[in-house]
């Protein structure tokens, strides 16, 4: 079994509740969305990257020597072998996270996988593509991320949290300002004013390295 892989690398986790920890990344090729602020356009083409066996990917993850592995993209759940890769990584004793754009069913992933659902807000241009039933299958250790470009995005995210009772399912709610477009201070002010239950998330890797750098 093989997956189309754009790149693999070990780095500092820049997002999620595990931000700041060392993590091994498996970035898969191909995405079904075209978000206005996408910072990984280079991985959007499903024909980009290299076909790599699941066994090889598990070997690379183990060799990296980090306890956490994140499978990302692109949109990783477009490749049907991802749940099997998650199982094999977990069998190797690794913590497995999958970052998904929320358009594909989350319940196909095996028990114990940390699912990071990026719920698209209006400024992305793709908010109507979300599979809203995914909110029903969230687990306490899952994470929901809202990428915020403006106040309208923030209010949209706040409405989704209330409407779908997300806090009853997980407390791991993340608000991340679009780097270079919406100042973190403005988002922080909105969160304070609205007593937001979420966590302000900055893309740590973009402050450590060049914001356009790849493989970090």
C-alpha atoms as a PDB file:
ATOM      1  CA  UNK A   1       0.000   0.000   0.000  1.00  0.00           C
ATOM      2  CA  UNK A   2       1.258   3.441  -0.922  1.00  0.00           C
ATOM      3  CA  UNK A   3       0.399   7.090  -0.342  1.00  0.00           C
ATOM      4  CA  UNK A   4       1.250  10.148  -2.425  1.00  0.00           C
ATOM      5  CA  UNK A   5       3.614  12.040  -0.135  1.00  0.00           C
ATOM      6  CA  UNK A   6       4.808  15.577  -0.787  1.00  0.00           C
ATOM      7  CA  UNK A   7       7.350  15.731   2.039  1.00  0.00           C
ATOM      8  CA  UNK A   8       8.345  14.360   5.440  1.00  0.00           C
ATOM      9  CA  UNK A   9      10.375  16.192   8.060  1.00  0.00           C
ATOM     10  CA  UNK A  10      10.962  16.596  11.785  1.00  0.00           C
ATOM     11  CA  UNK A  11      10.358  20.032  13.252  1.00  0.00           C
ATOM     12  CA  UNK A  12       8.751  21.992  16.048  1.00  0.00           C
ATOM     13  CA  UNK A  13       4.975  21.640  16.086  1.00  0.00           C
ATOM     14  CA  UNK A  14       3.802  25.120  15.193  1.00  0.00           C
ATOM     15  CA  UNK A  15       0.088  24.727  15.893  1.00  0.00           C
ATOM     16  CA  UNK A  16      -2.454  22.717  17.932  1.00  0.00           C
ATOM     17  CA  UNK A  17      -2.397  22.140  21.694  1.00  0.00           C
ATOM     18  CA  UNK A  18       0.979  20.428  21.127  1.00  0.00           C
ATOM     19  CA  UNK A  19       2.617  23.624  19.801  1.00  0.00           C
ATOM     20  CA  UNK A  20       6.281  23.848  20.736  1.00  0.00           C
ATOM     21  CA  UNK A  21       6.852  20.089  20.877  1.00  0.00           C
ATOM     22  CA  UNK A  22       9.070  18.186  18.467  1.00  0.00           C
ATOM     23  CA  UNK A  23       6.990  16.398  15.846  1.00  0.00           C
ATOM     24  CA  UNK A  24       7.477  14.314  12.708  1.00  0.00           C
ATOM     25  CA  UNK A  25       5.356  15.546   9.817  1.00  0.00           C
ATOM     26  CA  UNK A  26       3.999  13.517   6.924  1.00  0.00           C
ATOM     27  CA  UNK A  27       2.585  15.937   4.351  1.00  0.00           C
ATOM     28  CA  UNK A  28       0.399  14.233   1.768  1.00  0.00           C
ATOM     29  CA  UNK A  29      -0.321  15.576  -1.713  1.00  0.00           C
ATOM     30  CA  UNK A  30      -3.666  16.812  -2.977  1.00  0.00           C
ATOM     31  CA  UNK A  31      -6.442  19.033  -1.647  1.00  0.00           C
ATOM     32  CA  UNK A  32     -10.085  19.513  -2.609  1.00  0.00           C
ATOM     33  CA  UNK A  33     -10.236  23.130  -1.410  1.00  0.00           C
ATOM     34  CA  UNK A  34      -8.592  26.362  -2.508  1.00  0.00           C
ATOM     35  CA  UNK A  35      -8.613  28.605   0.559  1.00  0.00           C
ATOM     36  CA  UNK A  36      -7.837  32.278  -0.027  1.00  0.00           C
ATOM     37  CA  UNK A  37      -5.046  32.281   2.564  1.00  0.00           C
ATOM     38  CA  UNK A  38      -3.583  28.813   1.895  1.00  0.00           C
ATOM     39  CA  UNK A  39       0.107  28.628   2.808  1.00  0.00           C
ATOM     40  CA  UNK A  40       0.705  25.168   1.329  1.00  0.00           C
ATOM     41  CA  UNK A  41      -0.438  25.668  -2.244  1.00  0.00           C
ATOM     42  CA  UNK A  42       2.605  23.691  -3.356  1.00  0.00           C
ATOM     43  CA  UNK A  43       1.029  20.504  -1.969  1.00  0.00           C
ATOM     44  CA  UNK A  44      -2.426  21.062  -3.466  1.00  0.00           C
ATOM     45  CA  UNK A  45      -1.798  19.129  -6.693  1.00  0.00           C
ATOM     46  CA  UNK A  46      -2.667  15.430  -6.129  1.00  0.00           C
ATOM     47  CA  UNK A  47      -0.044  14.457  -8.712  1.00  0.00           C
ATOM     48  CA  UNK A  48       2.776  16.173  -6.838  1.00  0.00           C
ATOM     49  CA  UNK A  49       5.003  14.264  -4.487  1.00  0.00           C
ATOM     50  CA  UNK A  50       6.203  10.673  -4.454  1.00  0.00           C
ATOM     51  CA  UNK A  51       4.408   7.371  -3.929  1.00  0.00           C
ATOM     52  CA  UNK A  52       5.684   5.978  -0.645  1.00  0.00           C
ATOM     53  CA  UNK A  53       4.778   2.718   1.087  1.00  0.00           C
ATOM     54  CA  UNK A  54       3.118   2.738   4.493  1.00  0.00           C
ATOM     55  CA  UNK A  55       5.928   0.616   5.899  1.00  0.00           C
ATOM     56  CA  UNK A  56       8.505   3.139   4.715  1.00  0.00           C
ATOM     57  CA  UNK A  57       6.563   5.991   6.318  1.00  0.00           C
ATOM     58  CA  UNK A  58       6.341   4.157   9.631  1.00  0.00           C
ATOM     59  CA  UNK A  59      10.078   3.476   9.425  1.00  0.00           C
ATOM     60  CA  UNK A  60      10.831   7.139   8.804  1.00  0.00           C
ATOM     61  CA  UNK A  61       8.634   8.167  11.731  1.00  0.00           C
ATOM     62  CA  UNK A  62      10.349   5.720  14.083  1.00  0.00           C
ATOM     63  CA  UNK A  63      13.799   6.785  12.877  1.00  0.00           C
ATOM     64  CA  UNK A  64      12.937  10.452  13.568  1.00  0.00           C
ATOM     65  CA  UNK A  65      12.784   9.534  17.248  1.00  0.00           C
ATOM     66  CA  UNK A  66       9.908  11.887  18.093  1.00  0.00           C
ATOM     67  CA  UNK A  67       6.848  10.652  20.024  1.00  0.00           C
ATOM     68  CA  UNK A  68       4.366  12.675  17.949  1.00  0.00           C
ATOM     69  CA  UNK A  69       3.511  12.274  14.268  1.00  0.00           C
ATOM     70  CA  UNK A  70       1.215  14.602  12.344  1.00  0.00           C
ATOM     71  CA  UNK A  71      -0.326  13.613   9.031  1.00  0.00           C
ATOM     72  CA  UNK A  72      -1.257  16.726   7.108  1.00  0.00           C
ATOM     73  CA  UNK A  73      -1.567  18.023   3.557  1.00  0.00           C
ATOM     74  CA  UNK A  74      -3.112  19.049   1.334  1.00  0.00           C
ATOM     75  CA  UNK A  75      -6.103  17.160   2.621  1.00  0.00           C
ATOM     76  CA  UNK A  76      -4.886  13.807   3.955  1.00  0.00           C
ATOM     77  CA  UNK A  77      -8.286  12.108   4.135  1.00  0.00           C
ATOM     78  CA  UNK A  78      -8.621  12.182   0.357  1.00  0.00           C
ATOM     79  CA  UNK A  79      -6.200   9.240   0.372  1.00  0.00           C
ATOM     80  CA  UNK A  80      -8.053   6.170   1.599  1.00  0.00           C
ATOM     81  CA  UNK A  81      -5.041   4.399   3.109  1.00  0.00           C
ATOM     82  CA  UNK A  82      -4.572   7.081   5.790  1.00  0.00           C
ATOM     83  CA  UNK A  83      -6.595   5.216   8.474  1.00  0.00           C
ATOM     84  CA  UNK A  84      -4.340   2.183   7.946  1.00  0.00           C
ATOM     85  CA  UNK A  85      -1.238   4.370   8.279  1.00  0.00           C
ATOM     86  CA  UNK A  86      -2.644   5.760  11.546  1.00  0.00           C
ATOM     87  CA  UNK A  87      -3.108   2.229  12.872  1.00  0.00           C
ATOM     88  CA  UNK A  88       0.437   1.224  11.964  1.00  0.00           C
ATOM     89  CA  UNK A  89       1.910   4.355  13.535  1.00  0.00           C
ATOM     90  CA  UNK A  90      -0.069   3.756  16.721  1.00  0.00           C
ATOM     91  CA  UNK A  91       1.088   0.137  16.790  1.00  0.00           C
ATOM     92  CA  UNK A  92       4.637   1.532  16.708  1.00  0.00           C
ATOM     93  CA  UNK A  93       3.835   3.406  19.933  1.00  0.00           C
ATOM     94  CA  UNK A  94       3.490   6.872  18.405  1.00  0.00           C
ATOM     95  CA  UNK A  95       0.967   9.628  19.149  1.00  0.00           C
ATOM     96  CA  UNK A  96      -0.836  10.305  15.876  1.00  0.00           C
ATOM     97  CA  UNK A  97      -2.507  13.551  14.827  1.00  0.00           C
ATOM     98  CA  UNK A  98      -4.367  14.124  11.566  1.00  0.00           C
ATOM     99  CA  UNK A  99      -5.071  17.683  10.431  1.00  0.00           C
ATOM    100  CA  UNK A 100      -8.062  17.786   8.103  1.00  0.00           C
ATOM    101  CA  UNK A 101     -10.067  20.537   6.416  1.00  0.00           C
ATOM    102  CA  UNK A 102     -13.364  19.133   7.696  1.00  0.00           C
ATOM    103  CA  UNK A 103     -14.845  18.140   4.344  1.00  0.00           C
ATOM    104  CA  UNK A 104     -14.212  14.409   4.793  1.00  0.00           C
ATOM    105  CA  UNK A 105     -15.720  12.056   7.423  1.00  0.00           C
ATOM    106  CA  UNK A 106     -13.685  12.007  10.626  1.00  0.00           C
ATOM    107  CA  UNK A 107     -15.109   8.705  11.826  1.00  0.00           C
ATOM    108  CA  UNK A 108     -13.039   6.705   9.343  1.00  0.00           C
ATOM    109  CA  UNK A 109      -9.958   7.295  11.520  1.00  0.00           C
ATOM    110  CA  UNK A 110      -9.063   4.658  14.120  1.00  0.00           C
ATOM    111  CA  UNK A 111      -9.701   5.068  17.827  1.00  0.00           C
ATOM    112  CA  UNK A 112      -6.993   7.091  19.535  1.00  0.00           C
ATOM    113  CA  UNK A 113      -6.137   9.291  16.551  1.00  0.00           C
ATOM    114  CA  UNK A 114      -6.150  12.973  17.490  1.00  0.00           C
ATOM    115  CA  UNK A 115      -8.273  14.657  14.840  1.00  0.00           C
ATOM    116  CA  UNK A 116      -7.611  18.349  14.217  1.00  0.00           C
ATOM    117  CA  UNK A 117     -10.562  19.719  12.260  1.00  0.00           C
ATOM    118  CA  UNK A 118      -9.947  23.023  10.495  1.00  0.00           C
ATOM    119  CA  UNK A 119     -13.437  24.517  10.258  1.00  0.00           C
ATOM    120  CA  UNK A 120     -13.355  26.956   7.374  1.00  0.00           C
ATOM    121  CA  UNK A 121     -14.644  30.475   8.007  1.00  0.00           C
ATOM    122  CA  UNK A 122     -16.197  32.748   5.317  1.00  0.00           C
ATOM    123  CA  UNK A 123     -12.968  34.533   4.343  1.00  0.00           C
ATOM    124  CA  UNK A 124     -11.508  31.214   3.210  1.00  0.00           C
ATOM    125  CA  UNK A 125     -14.062  31.119   0.400  1.00  0.00           C
ATOM    126  CA  UNK A 126     -14.756  27.490   1.277  1.00  0.00           C
ATOM    127  CA  UNK A 127     -17.008  27.614   4.350  1.00  0.00           C
ATOM    128  CA  UNK A 128     -19.904  26.025   2.475  1.00  0.00           C
ATOM    129  CA  UNK A 129     -17.880  22.848   1.862  1.00  0.00           C
ATOM    130  CA  UNK A 130     -17.740  21.723   5.501  1.00  0.00           C
ATOM    131  CA  UNK A 131     -19.164  18.338   6.460  1.00  0.00           C
ATOM    132  CA  UNK A 132     -21.071  19.598   9.488  1.00  0.00           C
ATOM    133  CA  UNK A 133     -21.905  16.087  10.728  1.00  0.00           C
ATOM    134  CA  UNK A 134     -18.239  15.865  11.776  1.00  0.00           C
ATOM    135  CA  UNK A 135     -19.105  17.985  14.808  1.00  0.00           C
ATOM    136  CA  UNK A 136     -21.262  15.114  16.082  1.00  0.00           C
ATOM    137  CA  UNK A 137     -18.378  12.644  16.316  1.00  0.00           C
ATOM    138  CA  UNK A 138     -15.791  14.796  18.079  1.00  0.00           C
ATOM    139  CA  UNK A 139     -13.962  13.229  21.039  1.00  0.00           C
ATOM    140  CA  UNK A 140     -12.547  15.053  24.100  1.00  0.00           C
ATOM    141  CA  UNK A 141      -8.972  14.837  22.774  1.00  0.00           C
ATOM    142  CA  UNK A 142      -9.891  16.116  19.290  1.00  0.00           C
ATOM    143  CA  UNK A 143      -9.251  19.731  18.308  1.00  0.00           C
ATOM    144  CA  UNK A 144     -11.272  22.253  16.296  1.00  0.00           C
ATOM    145  CA  UNK A 145      -9.384  25.072  14.614  1.00  0.00           C
ATOM    146  CA  UNK A 146     -10.799  28.307  13.204  1.00  0.00           C
ATOM    147  CA  UNK A 147      -8.502  30.392  10.998  1.00  0.00           C
ATOM    148  CA  UNK A 148      -9.536  34.030  11.391  1.00  0.00           C
ATOM    149  CA  UNK A 149      -9.072  36.813   8.819  1.00  0.00           C
ATOM    150  CA  UNK A 150     -11.462  39.398  10.249  1.00  0.00           C
ATOM    151  CA  UNK A 151     -14.177  40.041  12.830  1.00  0.00           C
ATOM    152  CA  UNK A 152     -16.816  38.376  10.656  1.00  0.00           C
ATOM    153  CA  UNK A 153     -14.810  35.138  10.746  1.00  0.00           C
ATOM    154  CA  UNK A 154     -14.584  35.373  14.522  1.00  0.00           C
ATOM    155  CA  UNK A 155     -18.343  35.834  14.922  1.00  0.00           C
ATOM    156  CA  UNK A 156     -18.945  32.950  12.494  1.00  0.00           C
ATOM    157  CA  UNK A 157     -16.695  30.695  14.571  1.00  0.00           C
ATOM    158  CA  UNK A 158     -18.391  31.755  17.798  1.00  0.00           C
ATOM    159  CA  UNK A 159     -21.784  30.905  16.302  1.00  0.00           C
ATOM    160  CA  UNK A 160     -20.577  27.465  15.184  1.00  0.00           C
ATOM    161  CA  UNK A 161     -19.253  26.697  18.680  1.00  0.00           C
ATOM    162  CA  UNK A 162     -22.632  27.496  20.216  1.00  0.00           C
ATOM    163  CA  UNK A 163     -24.840  26.011  17.493  1.00  0.00           C
ATOM    164  CA  UNK A 164     -23.111  22.642  17.446  1.00  0.00           C
ATOM    165  CA  UNK A 165     -22.350  22.450  21.167  1.00  0.00           C
ATOM    166  CA  UNK A 166     -18.656  21.933  20.490  1.00  0.00           C
ATOM    167  CA  UNK A 167     -17.678  22.657  24.107  1.00  0.00           C
ATOM    168  CA  UNK A 168     -19.716  19.652  25.216  1.00  0.00           C
ATOM    169  CA  UNK A 169     -17.515  17.433  23.060  1.00  0.00           C
ATOM    170  CA  UNK A 170     -14.040  18.975  23.328  1.00  0.00           C
ATOM    171  CA  UNK A 171     -12.419  21.915  25.109  1.00  0.00           C
ATOM    172  CA  UNK A 172      -9.651  22.061  22.507  1.00  0.00           C
ATOM    173  CA  UNK A 173     -10.844  24.997  20.421  1.00  0.00           C
ATOM    174  CA  UNK A 174      -8.223  27.051  18.599  1.00  0.00           C
ATOM    175  CA  UNK A 175      -8.424  30.524  17.055  1.00  0.00           C
ATOM    176  CA  UNK A 176      -5.557  31.340  14.715  1.00  0.00           C
ATOM    177  CA  UNK A 177      -5.103  34.697  12.952  1.00  0.00           C
ATOM    178  CA  UNK A 178      -4.125  34.515   9.280  1.00  0.00           C
ATOM    179  CA  UNK A 179      -0.423  35.323   9.315  1.00  0.00           C
ATOM    180  CA  UNK A 180       0.270  38.741   7.796  1.00  0.00           C
ATOM    181  CA  UNK A 181      -3.411  39.512   7.261  1.00  0.00           C
ATOM    182  CA  UNK A 182      -5.067  39.814  10.683  1.00  0.00           C
ATOM    183  CA  UNK A 183      -3.010  41.039  13.667  1.00  0.00           C
ATOM    184  CA  UNK A 184      -2.926  38.672  16.621  1.00  0.00           C
ATOM    185  CA  UNK A 185      -3.598  41.636  18.942  1.00  0.00           C
ATOM    186  CA  UNK A 186      -6.946  42.277  17.219  1.00  0.00           C
ATOM    187  CA  UNK A 187      -7.961  38.649  17.568  1.00  0.00           C
ATOM    188  CA  UNK A 188      -6.888  38.628  21.213  1.00  0.00           C
ATOM    189  CA  UNK A 189      -9.015  41.735  21.830  1.00  0.00           C
ATOM    190  CA  UNK A 190     -12.068  40.058  20.278  1.00  0.00           C
ATOM    191  CA  UNK A 191     -11.534  36.926  22.353  1.00  0.00           C
ATOM    192  CA  UNK A 192     -11.301  38.963  25.549  1.00  0.00           C
ATOM    193  CA  UNK A 193     -14.363  41.076  24.717  1.00  0.00           C
ATOM    194  CA  UNK A 194     -16.480  38.008  23.903  1.00  0.00           C
ATOM    195  CA  UNK A 195     -15.000  35.871  26.701  1.00  0.00           C
ATOM    196  CA  UNK A 196     -14.148  33.289  24.090  1.00  0.00           C
ATOM    197  CA  UNK A 197     -13.721  29.674  25.256  1.00  0.00           C
ATOM    198  CA  UNK A 198     -11.022  29.116  22.645  1.00  0.00           C
ATOM    199  CA  UNK A 199      -7.265  29.281  22.762  1.00  0.00           C
ATOM    200  CA  UNK A 200      -5.318  31.888  20.769  1.00  0.00           C
ATOM    201  CA  UNK A 201      -2.980  30.016  18.445  1.00  0.00           C
ATOM    202  CA  UNK A 202      -0.022  31.557  16.658  1.00  0.00           C
ATOM    203  CA  UNK A 203       1.864  29.652  13.971  1.00  0.00           C
ATOM    204  CA  UNK A 204       5.038  29.268  16.006  1.00  0.00           C
ATOM    205  CA  UNK A 205       7.121  27.980  13.095  1.00  0.00           C
ATOM    206  CA  UNK A 206       6.514  31.226  11.177  1.00  0.00           C
ATOM    207  CA  UNK A 207       8.097  33.191  14.010  1.00  0.00           C
ATOM    208  CA  UNK A 208      11.096  30.858  14.329  1.00  0.00           C
ATOM    209  CA  UNK A 209      11.876  30.553  10.619  1.00  0.00           C
ATOM    210  CA  UNK A 210      11.062  32.468   7.449  1.00  0.00           C
ATOM    211  CA  UNK A 211       7.250  32.405   7.069  1.00  0.00           C
ATOM    212  CA  UNK A 212       7.613  30.980   3.550  1.00  0.00           C
ATOM    213  CA  UNK A 213      10.147  28.305   4.473  1.00  0.00           C
ATOM    214  CA  UNK A 214       9.239  24.697   3.662  1.00  0.00           C
ATOM    215  CA  UNK A 215      10.074  21.595   5.621  1.00  0.00           C
ATOM    216  CA  UNK A 216      10.068  23.342   9.005  1.00  0.00           C
END
